């Protein structure tokens, strides 16, 4: 007879106890790693650029839909334009300082030049503010789903004037801000839930265009020209099916700086391209022109798209 060697058999409770001894002590378990979409280092890396672009395309869409924003009247212009009252106050303070001999002759001349430029452009701040007020008042007479919200770049200057006028009319307005090393602060008049910050200029311009049913360009610098010509080009080339009015506010500035007739004389644009823009010089003219065209194109048959 063969005798089998004795083998010890552990009971279930003994096995569980042995496993517990092999496991990490309670409270010393390693936490799970962050998911990719929670990894800030990755999200800010060059490899995640496409994700950031997609986020700037998608999140505003979600937000505009949530808050019922379907149509906008976009207002562009210089971030450096001051309210008239502030420009006058700065000039008065400067003149008082010059009278007291606070500045050298050279410094006083330089400061006076800047103050004079600020006073010269300040009426455009007030015009933009008033036009935004008038357009918002008119828009609020429409059913809520048809309303046209004022939209600006969200910053100071003309952008502030646009959002300020809308707020003074007790209406909502949009601010599409952009991260810059200067002139980047958001003005306080943008409706908080419609205050956005972008990193990519091209995505920001997409959102300017996507909801726009009209554009008013006030005097400005490189940024204003960039946005203006982007809009003109997209309409001219049919990349957008919308043919909304582009108003150039302030003939004294625009006709001196941009002589579109030269483009016609050289055959660089077609005769019908004259219809892409319209010069205006006062708030009433701008208001009536905007309302007339918006009504004809977008309200006559409830054709909003």
Foldseek 3Di string as FASTA:
>chain_A
DDDDDDDDDDDPVVVVVVVVVVDDDPPPDDDDDDDPVPDPVNCPDPVNVVVQLVCLQPVLVVLCVVVLQFAAEEEEAAQPADALVVLVVQLVVLVVCVVVVVDDPVVSVVSNVVSVVNNVRNVLLVQLLQLLLLLLLVQVVDPSNRGYAYEYQQFHHSRLSNLNSNVVNVHAHAHNFEDDPPRGDGHPSHDVSRYHYGHDPVSSLVVVPRRYQHYEYEYHDDVSVVSVVVVLVCVLVVVDVHLHEYEYEDCVPCCVVDVCVVCVVVVVDDPVSVRSYYYDYGSVVVNVVRVVRCCVPDPVVVNRD
